[in-house]
Amino acid sequence: QVQLVESGGGLVQPGGSLRLSCAASRSISSINVMYWYRQAPGKERELVARIYSRGETFYADSAKGRFTISRDNTKNTVYLQMNSLKPEDTAVYYCNKLPLGPWGQGTQVTVSS
């Protein structure tokens, strides 16, 4: 059973960038789809992006053009590069191999001036 640990969150000013990492406890090469979700205070969890084993990607409208999801199967890690960050991006970010839980600890991203 793979466990996933998110990291890389922090405080950043609007317009800044962060790179989130999702480290897996074992190989992810056989996992077809990996997801990034986020949950802002007072809001439901929402899909941010997903990436398939062959590199195809999907982005929510809110992330399109600003975020880039990638995966390095040799390092058992999924990444989320976030550029041009907005205060609306403030949330706890989670990665998963399923579109539903169980969910890990997540990593906090705060965008504020």
N, C-alpha and C. Protein backbone atom coordinates (compact mmCIF):
# COMPACT_ATOMS: atom_id res chain seq x y z
N GLN A 1 0.84 -1.18 0.00
CA GLN A 1 0.00 0.00 0.00
C GLN A 1 0.89 1.24 0.00
N VAL A 2 0.78 2.06 -1.03
CA VAL A 2 1.62 3.22 -1.16
C VAL A 2 1.15 4.32 -0.22
N GLN A 3 2.10 5.02 0.39
CA GLN A 3 1.78 6.21 1.14
C GLN A 3 2.41 7.41 0.45
N LEU A 4 1.71 8.54 0.50
CA LEU A 4 2.12 9.74 -0.20
C LEU A 4 2.31 10.87 0.79
N VAL A 5 3.41 11.59 0.65
CA VAL A 5 3.73 12.68 1.55
C VAL A 5 3.95 13.95 0.74
N GLU A 6 3.12 14.95 1.00
CA GLU A 6 3.23 16.23 0.30
C GLU A 6 4.20 17.15 1.03
N SER A 7 4.88 17.99 0.27
CA SER A 7 5.79 18.97 0.84
C SER A 7 5.96 20.12 -0.14
N GLY A 8 6.60 21.19 0.31
CA GLY A 8 6.92 22.31 -0.55
C GLY A 8 6.03 23.52 -0.38
N GLY A 9 5.01 23.41 0.44
CA GLY A 9 4.13 24.55 0.65
C GLY A 9 4.80 25.62 1.49
N GLY A 10 4.13 26.75 1.60
CA GLY A 10 4.67 27.85 2.37
C GLY A 10 3.93 29.13 2.09
N LEU A 11 4.50 30.23 2.54
CA LEU A 11 3.94 31.56 2.34
C LEU A 11 4.62 32.23 1.16
N VAL A 12 3.82 32.75 0.25
CA VAL A 12 4.35 33.42 -0.93
C VAL A 12 3.48 34.62 -1.26
N GLN A 13 4.08 35.65 -1.83
CA GLN A 13 3.33 36.83 -2.23
C GLN A 13 2.60 36.59 -3.54
N PRO A 14 1.51 37.32 -3.78
CA PRO A 14 0.83 37.21 -5.07
C PRO A 14 1.79 37.41 -6.22
N GLY A 15 1.66 36.57 -7.23
CA GLY A 15 2.57 36.61 -8.36
C GLY A 15 3.78 35.72 -8.21
N GLY A 16 3.99 35.19 -7.03
CA GLY A 16 5.13 34.33 -6.78
C GLY A 16 4.89 32.91 -7.23
N SER A 17 5.87 32.05 -6.92
CA SER A 17 5.83 30.66 -7.35
C SER A 17 6.18 29.72 -6.22
N LEU A 18 5.64 28.52 -6.30
CA LEU A 18 5.99 27.42 -5.41
C LEU A 18 6.01 26.13 -6.20
N ARG A 19 6.83 25.20 -5.75
CA ARG A 19 6.89 23.87 -6.34
C ARG A 19 6.56 22.85 -5.26
N LEU A 20 5.44 22.19 -5.42
CA LEU A 20 5.02 21.17 -4.47
C LEU A 20 5.53 19.81 -4.92
N SER A 21 5.83 18.96 -3.95
CA SER A 21 6.29 17.61 -4.23
C SER A 21 5.40 16.61 -3.51
N CYS A 22 5.22 15.47 -4.12
CA CYS A 22 4.47 14.36 -3.53
C CYS A 22 5.34 13.13 -3.65
N ALA A 23 5.92 12.73 -2.53
CA ALA A 23 6.84 11.59 -2.51
C ALA A 23 6.09 10.33 -2.12
N ALA A 24 6.25 9.29 -2.92
CA ALA A 24 5.60 8.02 -2.68
C ALA A 24 6.55 7.04 -2.00
N SER A 25 5.99 6.17 -1.20
CA SER A 25 6.80 5.20 -0.45
C SER A 25 7.27 4.03 -1.30
N ARG A 26 6.69 3.88 -2.46
CA ARG A 26 7.11 2.84 -3.37
C ARG A 26 6.92 3.31 -4.80
N SER A 27 7.20 2.45 -5.76
CA SER A 27 7.13 2.82 -7.16
C SER A 27 5.74 3.29 -7.56
N ILE A 28 5.72 4.34 -8.38
CA ILE A 28 4.46 4.85 -8.91
C ILE A 28 4.35 4.61 -10.41
N SER A 29 5.32 3.90 -10.96
CA SER A 29 5.34 3.70 -12.41
C SER A 29 4.13 2.94 -12.90
N SER A 30 3.55 2.10 -12.07
CA SER A 30 2.38 1.31 -12.45
C SER A 30 1.06 1.99 -12.12
N ILE A 31 1.12 3.16 -11.50
CA ILE A 31 -0.09 3.91 -11.16
C ILE A 31 -0.44 4.79 -12.34
N ASN A 32 -1.59 4.53 -12.93
CA ASN A 32 -1.94 5.20 -14.17
C ASN A 32 -2.14 6.70 -14.01
N VAL A 33 -2.82 7.11 -12.96
CA VAL A 33 -3.17 8.51 -12.79
C VAL A 33 -2.78 8.98 -11.39
N MET A 34 -2.18 10.16 -11.32
CA MET A 34 -1.90 10.82 -10.06
C MET A 34 -2.60 12.17 -10.07
N TYR A 35 -3.10 12.57 -8.91
CA TYR A 35 -3.93 13.76 -8.78
C TYR A 35 -3.35 14.74 -7.77
N TRP A 36 -3.60 16.02 -8.01
CA TRP A 36 -3.44 17.06 -7.02
C TRP A 36 -4.82 17.67 -6.76
N TYR A 37 -5.20 17.70 -5.50
CA TYR A 37 -6.41 18.37 -5.04
C TYR A 37 -6.03 19.48 -4.07
N ARG A 38 -6.98 20.36 -3.80
CA ARG A 38 -6.77 21.37 -2.78
C ARG A 38 -8.08 21.64 -2.05
N GLN A 39 -7.96 22.13 -0.84
CA GLN A 39 -9.13 22.49 -0.06
C GLN A 39 -8.84 23.80 0.67
N ALA A 40 -9.60 24.83 0.34
CA ALA A 40 -9.48 26.12 0.97
C ALA A 40 -10.40 26.19 2.18
N PRO A 41 -10.10 27.07 3.13
CA PRO A 41 -10.96 27.20 4.31
C PRO A 41 -12.40 27.48 3.93
N GLY A 42 -13.31 26.70 4.49
CA GLY A 42 -14.72 26.89 4.24
C GLY A 42 -15.21 26.38 2.90
N LYS A 43 -14.35 25.72 2.14
CA LYS A 43 -14.73 25.22 0.83
C LYS A 43 -14.50 23.72 0.74
N GLU A 44 -15.17 23.11 -0.23
CA GLU A 44 -14.99 21.69 -0.47
C GLU A 44 -13.69 21.43 -1.21
N ARG A 45 -13.19 20.22 -1.07
CA ARG A 45 -12.00 19.82 -1.79
C ARG A 45 -12.27 19.84 -3.30
N GLU A 46 -11.32 20.35 -4.07
CA GLU A 46 -11.49 20.44 -5.50
C GLU A 46 -10.26 19.93 -6.24
N LEU A 47 -10.51 19.40 -7.41
CA LEU A 47 -9.43 18.91 -8.25
C LEU A 47 -8.64 20.07 -8.83
N VAL A 48 -7.33 19.99 -8.78
CA VAL A 48 -6.45 20.98 -9.38
C VAL A 48 -5.88 20.48 -10.70
N ALA A 49 -5.34 19.27 -10.69
CA ALA A 49 -4.71 18.72 -11.88
C ALA A 49 -4.55 17.22 -11.73
N ARG A 50 -4.40 16.55 -12.86
CA ARG A 50 -4.09 15.13 -12.84
C ARG A 50 -3.13 14.84 -13.98
N ILE A 51 -2.35 13.79 -13.81
CA ILE A 51 -1.38 13.40 -14.81
C ILE A 51 -1.42 11.89 -14.99
N TYR A 52 -1.36 11.46 -16.24
CA TYR A 52 -1.39 10.05 -16.57
C TYR A 52 0.02 9.52 -16.71
N SER A 53 0.13 8.21 -16.74
CA SER A 53 1.44 7.57 -16.72
C SER A 53 2.29 7.94 -17.93
N ARG A 54 1.65 8.24 -19.04
CA ARG A 54 2.39 8.60 -20.24
C ARG A 54 2.59 10.11 -20.38
N GLY A 55 2.20 10.87 -19.36
CA GLY A 55 2.47 12.28 -19.35
C GLY A 55 1.32 13.19 -19.73
N GLU A 56 0.21 12.64 -20.17
CA GLU A 56 -0.94 13.47 -20.49
C GLU A 56 -1.48 14.11 -19.22
N THR A 57 -1.96 15.34 -19.34
CA THR A 57 -2.38 16.10 -18.17
C THR A 57 -3.75 16.70 -18.35
N PHE A 58 -4.36 17.06 -17.23
CA PHE A 58 -5.61 17.77 -17.18
C PHE A 58 -5.52 18.80 -16.07
N TYR A 59 -6.08 19.98 -16.32
CA TYR A 59 -6.06 21.06 -15.34
C TYR A 59 -7.45 21.63 -15.14
N ALA A 60 -7.76 21.98 -13.91
CA ALA A 60 -8.95 22.76 -13.64
C ALA A 60 -8.79 24.14 -14.27
N ASP A 61 -9.90 24.77 -14.60
CA ASP A 61 -9.85 26.09 -15.22
C ASP A 61 -9.07 27.08 -14.36
N SER A 62 -9.19 26.96 -13.06
CA SER A 62 -8.52 27.87 -12.15
C SER A 62 -7.01 27.73 -12.19
N ALA A 63 -6.53 26.57 -12.61
CA ALA A 63 -5.10 26.30 -12.64
C ALA A 63 -4.49 26.39 -14.03
N LYS A 64 -5.29 26.30 -15.03
CA LYS A 64 -4.82 26.24 -16.41
C LYS A 64 -4.00 27.48 -16.77
N GLY A 65 -2.84 27.25 -17.34
CA GLY A 65 -1.97 28.33 -17.75
C GLY A 65 -1.03 28.83 -16.68
N ARG A 66 -1.25 28.44 -15.43
CA ARG A 66 -0.41 28.88 -14.32
C ARG A 66 0.29 27.72 -13.62
N PHE A 67 -0.36 26.57 -13.57
CA PHE A 67 0.18 25.41 -12.86
C PHE A 67 0.64 24.36 -13.86
N THR A 68 1.65 23.59 -13.47
CA THR A 68 2.13 22.49 -14.28
C THR A 68 2.33 21.27 -13.41
N ILE A 69 1.65 20.19 -13.74
CA ILE A 69 1.82 18.93 -13.03
C ILE A 69 2.80 18.06 -13.80
N SER A 70 3.65 17.36 -13.09
CA SER A 70 4.60 16.47 -13.72
C SER A 70 4.88 15.30 -12.78
N ARG A 71 5.50 14.28 -13.32
CA ARG A 71 5.85 13.12 -12.50
C ARG A 71 7.20 12.57 -12.93
N ASP A 72 7.96 12.12 -11.96
CA ASP A 72 9.23 11.49 -12.19
C ASP A 72 9.15 10.10 -11.59
N ASN A 73 8.85 9.13 -12.42
CA ASN A 73 8.65 7.77 -11.93
C ASN A 73 9.92 7.17 -11.34
N THR A 74 11.08 7.61 -11.82
CA THR A 74 12.33 7.09 -11.28
C THR A 74 12.58 7.56 -9.86
N LYS A 75 11.99 8.69 -9.49
CA LYS A 75 12.11 9.23 -8.14
C LYS A 75 10.86 9.02 -7.31
N ASN A 76 9.87 8.36 -7.89
CA ASN A 76 8.61 8.09 -7.20
C ASN A 76 7.98 9.37 -6.66
N THR A 77 7.99 10.41 -7.48
CA THR A 77 7.55 11.72 -7.03
C THR A 77 6.69 12.39 -8.10
N VAL A 78 5.64 13.05 -7.64
CA VAL A 78 4.78 13.88 -8.47
C VAL A 78 4.96 15.33 -8.04
N TYR A 79 5.00 16.23 -8.99
CA TYR A 79 5.23 17.64 -8.70
C TYR A 79 4.06 18.50 -9.17
N LEU A 80 3.93 19.65 -8.54
CA LEU A 80 3.01 20.67 -8.99
C LEU A 80 3.74 22.01 -8.94
N GLN A 81 4.12 22.51 -10.10
CA GLN A 81 4.74 23.82 -10.20
C GLN A 81 3.64 24.86 -10.31
N MET A 82 3.64 25.82 -9.41
CA MET A 82 2.60 26.84 -9.35
C MET A 82 3.24 28.20 -9.56
N ASN A 83 2.83 28.87 -10.63
CA ASN A 83 3.33 30.19 -10.96
C ASN A 83 2.18 31.19 -10.93
N SER A 84 2.54 32.47 -10.88
CA SER A 84 1.55 33.54 -10.87
C SER A 84 0.47 33.30 -9.83
N LEU A 85 0.90 32.98 -8.64
CA LEU A 85 -0.04 32.61 -7.58
C LEU A 85 -0.92 33.78 -7.17
N LYS A 86 -2.15 33.45 -6.83
CA LYS A 86 -3.16 34.41 -6.42
C LYS A 86 -3.61 34.08 -5.00
N PRO A 87 -4.15 35.07 -4.29
CA PRO A 87 -4.70 34.77 -2.96
C PRO A 87 -5.73 33.66 -2.98
N GLU A 88 -6.47 33.53 -4.07
CA GLU A 88 -7.47 32.49 -4.21
C GLU A 88 -6.87 31.09 -4.24
N ASP A 89 -5.57 30.98 -4.44
CA ASP A 89 -4.90 29.69 -4.44
C ASP A 89 -4.58 29.19 -3.04
N THR A 90 -4.82 30.01 -2.04
CA THR A 90 -4.55 29.62 -0.67
C THR A 90 -5.40 28.41 -0.29
N ALA A 91 -4.74 27.34 0.13
CA ALA A 91 -5.44 26.10 0.45
C ALA A 91 -4.43 25.08 0.95
N VAL A 92 -4.94 23.98 1.46
CA VAL A 92 -4.12 22.81 1.72
C VAL A 92 -4.15 21.95 0.46
N TYR A 93 -2.98 21.58 -0.03
CA TYR A 93 -2.87 20.82 -1.26
C TYR A 93 -2.55 19.36 -0.95
N TYR A 94 -3.26 18.47 -1.62
CA TYR A 94 -3.13 17.03 -1.41
C TYR A 94 -2.83 16.33 -2.72
N CYS A 95 -2.03 15.28 -2.66
CA CYS A 95 -1.88 14.41 -3.81
C CYS A 95 -2.52 13.07 -3.50
N ASN A 96 -2.87 12.34 -4.55
CA ASN A 96 -3.51 11.04 -4.36
C ASN A 96 -3.38 10.24 -5.64
N LYS A 97 -3.58 8.95 -5.52
CA LYS A 97 -3.61 8.06 -6.67
C LYS A 97 -5.04 7.69 -7.05
N LEU A 98 -6.00 8.21 -6.31
CA LEU A 98 -7.41 8.01 -6.56
C LEU A 98 -8.12 9.34 -6.50
N PRO A 99 -9.27 9.47 -7.18
CA PRO A 99 -9.99 10.75 -7.11
C PRO A 99 -10.72 10.97 -5.80
N LEU A 100 -10.70 9.98 -4.93
CA LEU A 100 -11.27 10.09 -3.60
C LEU A 100 -10.22 9.68 -2.59
N GLY A 101 -10.51 9.93 -1.32
CA GLY A 101 -9.59 9.59 -0.25
C GLY A 101 -9.33 8.11 -0.14
N PRO A 102 -8.54 7.66 0.84
CA PRO A 102 -8.09 8.46 2.00
C PRO A 102 -7.06 9.51 1.62
N TRP A 103 -7.04 10.58 2.39
CA TRP A 103 -6.16 11.70 2.16
C TRP A 103 -5.04 11.75 3.18
N GLY A 104 -3.91 12.26 2.75
CA GLY A 104 -2.78 12.43 3.63
C GLY A 104 -2.84 13.74 4.38
N GLN A 105 -1.69 14.18 4.85
CA GLN A 105 -1.61 15.39 5.65
C GLN A 105 -1.76 16.65 4.80
N GLY A 106 -1.31 16.60 3.57
CA GLY A 106 -1.34 17.76 2.70
C GLY A 106 -0.23 18.74 3.04
N THR A 107 -0.12 19.78 2.23
CA THR A 107 0.85 20.85 2.49
C THR A 107 0.16 22.19 2.30
N GLN A 108 0.37 23.09 3.23
CA GLN A 108 -0.32 24.37 3.25
C GLN A 108 0.35 25.36 2.30
N VAL A 109 -0.46 25.98 1.46
CA VAL A 109 -0.02 27.05 0.58
C VAL A 109 -0.79 28.30 0.95
N THR A 110 -0.08 29.36 1.28
CA THR A 110 -0.70 30.62 1.63
C THR A 110 -0.16 31.71 0.72
N VAL A 111 -1.04 32.37 -0.01
CA VAL A 111 -0.67 33.45 -0.92
C VAL A 111 -1.22 34.74 -0.35
N SER A 112 -0.33 35.60 0.09
CA SER A 112 -0.74 36.83 0.76
C SER A 112 0.34 37.88 0.64
N SER A 113 -0.08 39.13 0.55
CA SER A 113 0.85 40.24 0.53
C SER A 113 1.15 40.75 1.93
